[in-house]
Each structure stands twice: as structure tokens, then as C-alpha cells.
Amino acid sequence: MAPITSENFQEWLESYGRASEENDPRASAELFAPDAEYYETPFADQSSYEIVAIQENLGIARWQARFTQINSGKRIALDCIFLVEFDEHHKCRMFREWWHSQVIEAGPIDNSVR
């Protein structure tokens, strides 16, 4: 298996962010191997990342995102660390993330029944 390169990992992260922003499940699925393990849900409307380290088939990145929760209207900031393990086709076979969230702006309270 060829090791993952910084360019491969950067391309994967950009594709991951684009699929999340566009809410495109097909594009997201294309990034993962058929037997992939994913340990958290995608998030997203504004995000950025920084590659921290790459070794063999592992990539570590810091991911930051800001989004609005639909139900509450709260504006949330996330700061995450991704550990991504790739297979021989550079598809993700295991995805783990550790994150911290912070409310950065509270939205209006909607007491209506839906």
C-alpha cells in the first residue's frame, strides 16, 4: 500500500467539507471504503481545516466549523481533531473525531408546536 501524501489528505479533506456543505450524501459516501467505520456525524455550513500530521495511511487534521442548529437557531462553533485511516485506494476506512462545541450566538426561541 502506498502511503497517503499531504496532497492526498488535503484533497480528501476538501472533498469532505464540500460534501458536508452541499449536504451531498453520495459525494460523502464516495470518500469512504465500503467497510469504513465512522464515529460521528458530518456537520457543516462553514468550515476550515489544517493538516497536523501524516504517517503511512493515517492523517490527522484540525477541523473547525460554524453552523446554525435548525431547531434552536443557535449559532455553534466546533473545534475538532480528525484521525483518518485510509485503505489502499485512498478511501477512508476509519474516521474518528474529537470535538468541542461552543454556542457563539443564541437564536430566537420558538415556542410554536410543529
Protein backbone atom coordinates (compact mmCIF):
# COMPACT_ATOMS: atom_id res chain seq x y z
CA MET A 1 0.00 0.00 0.00
CA ALA A 2 1.32 3.42 -0.97
CA PRO A 3 1.41 5.86 1.96
CA ILE A 4 -1.00 8.77 1.97
CA THR A 5 0.58 12.10 0.98
CA SER A 6 -0.19 15.58 2.21
CA GLU A 7 -1.78 16.32 -1.16
CA ASN A 8 -3.98 13.18 -0.98
CA PHE A 9 -5.13 14.06 2.52
CA GLN A 10 -5.75 17.71 1.62
CA GLU A 11 -7.86 16.64 -1.37
CA TRP A 12 -9.85 14.25 0.82
CA LEU A 13 -10.49 16.95 3.47
CA GLU A 14 -11.60 19.47 0.83
CA SER A 15 -13.96 16.89 -0.69
CA TYR A 16 -15.30 16.02 2.78
CA GLY A 17 -16.00 19.69 3.52
CA ARG A 18 -17.65 20.27 0.14
CA ALA A 19 -19.89 17.20 0.53
CA SER A 20 -20.91 18.37 4.01
CA GLU A 21 -21.60 21.96 2.93
CA GLU A 22 -23.67 20.76 -0.03
CA ASN A 23 -25.39 18.09 2.08
CA ASP A 24 -24.49 15.56 -0.64
CA PRO A 25 -24.68 12.02 0.76
CA ARG A 26 -23.48 10.45 -2.50
CA ALA A 27 -20.33 12.59 -2.56
CA SER A 28 -19.75 11.78 1.12
CA ALA A 29 -20.18 8.05 0.51
CA GLU A 30 -17.62 8.16 -2.31
CA LEU A 31 -14.96 9.26 0.19
CA PHE A 32 -15.30 6.14 2.32
CA ALA A 33 -14.39 2.50 1.78
CA PRO A 34 -17.33 0.03 1.79
CA ASP A 35 -16.31 -1.30 5.22
CA ALA A 36 -15.48 2.13 6.71
CA GLU A 37 -16.13 2.94 10.35
CA TYR A 38 -17.36 6.47 11.12
CA TYR A 39 -17.57 7.61 14.71
CA GLU A 40 -19.53 10.89 14.46
CA THR A 41 -21.97 12.63 12.15
CA PRO A 42 -20.94 15.16 9.49
CA PHE A 43 -21.52 18.81 10.21
CA ALA A 44 -21.24 21.96 8.42
CA ASP A 45 -22.03 25.10 6.74
CA GLN A 46 -18.72 26.96 7.19
CA SER A 47 -15.57 25.04 7.88
CA SER A 48 -11.80 25.07 7.62
CA TYR A 49 -9.04 22.60 8.33
CA GLU A 50 -5.32 22.33 8.97
CA ILE A 51 -3.33 19.13 8.38
CA VAL A 52 -1.43 18.36 11.58
CA ALA A 53 0.36 15.12 10.67
CA ILE A 54 0.53 12.28 8.15
CA GLN A 55 2.14 8.90 8.70
CA GLU A 56 1.78 5.94 6.32
CA ASN A 57 -2.01 5.55 5.86
CA LEU A 58 -3.06 7.89 8.71
CA GLY A 59 -3.90 11.59 8.56
CA ILE A 60 -4.56 13.91 11.49
CA ALA A 61 -6.23 17.27 10.96
CA ARG A 62 -7.75 20.08 12.98
CA TRP A 63 -11.22 20.88 11.67
CA GLN A 64 -13.20 23.98 12.63
CA ALA A 65 -16.82 24.66 11.67
CA ARG A 66 -19.63 27.08 12.39
CA PHE A 67 -23.27 26.31 11.75
CA THR A 68 -26.79 27.14 12.88
CA GLN A 69 -28.87 24.48 14.61
CA ILE A 70 -32.16 24.29 12.75
CA ASN A 71 -34.40 23.58 15.78
CA SER A 72 -32.97 26.16 18.20
CA GLY A 73 -31.50 28.79 15.89
CA LYS A 74 -28.30 28.70 17.97
CA ARG A 75 -25.06 29.53 16.21
CA ILE A 76 -22.47 26.88 17.11
CA ALA A 77 -18.68 26.75 16.72
CA LEU A 78 -16.89 23.39 16.61
CA ASP A 79 -13.19 22.71 17.04
CA CYS A 80 -12.29 19.13 16.13
CA ILE A 81 -9.42 16.74 15.65
CA PHE A 82 -9.86 14.10 12.93
CA LEU A 83 -7.93 10.83 12.80
CA VAL A 84 -8.47 9.36 9.35
CA GLU A 85 -7.18 5.92 8.30
CA PHE A 86 -7.12 5.24 4.56
CA ASP A 87 -7.23 2.00 2.55
CA GLU A 88 -5.08 1.18 -0.49
CA HIS A 89 -7.43 3.22 -2.75
CA HIS A 90 -7.10 6.30 -0.51
CA LYS A 91 -10.68 5.85 0.68
CA CYS A 92 -11.35 6.38 4.36
CA ARG A 93 -11.64 3.08 6.21
CA MET A 94 -11.87 4.51 9.72
CA PHE A 95 -12.86 8.01 10.82
CA ARG A 96 -12.64 9.24 14.40
CA GLU A 97 -13.20 12.73 15.64
CA TRP A 98 -12.86 14.52 18.94
CA TRP A 99 -14.64 17.84 19.21
CA HIS A 100 -15.61 20.68 21.44
CA SER A 101 -18.60 22.88 20.72
CA GLN A 102 -19.46 26.36 21.88
CA VAL A 103 -22.62 28.43 21.43
CA ILE A 104 -21.44 31.68 19.86
CA GLU A 105 -24.81 33.28 19.25
CA ALA A 106 -28.24 32.35 20.59
CA GLY A 107 -31.15 32.46 18.20
CA PRO A 108 -34.76 33.42 18.94
CA ILE A 109 -36.80 30.96 20.99
CA ASP A 110 -39.64 29.41 19.00
CA ASN A 111 -42.37 28.03 21.27
CA SER A 112 -44.72 27.11 18.44
CA VAL A 113 -45.85 23.50 18.07
CA ARG A 114 -44.65 21.73 14.96
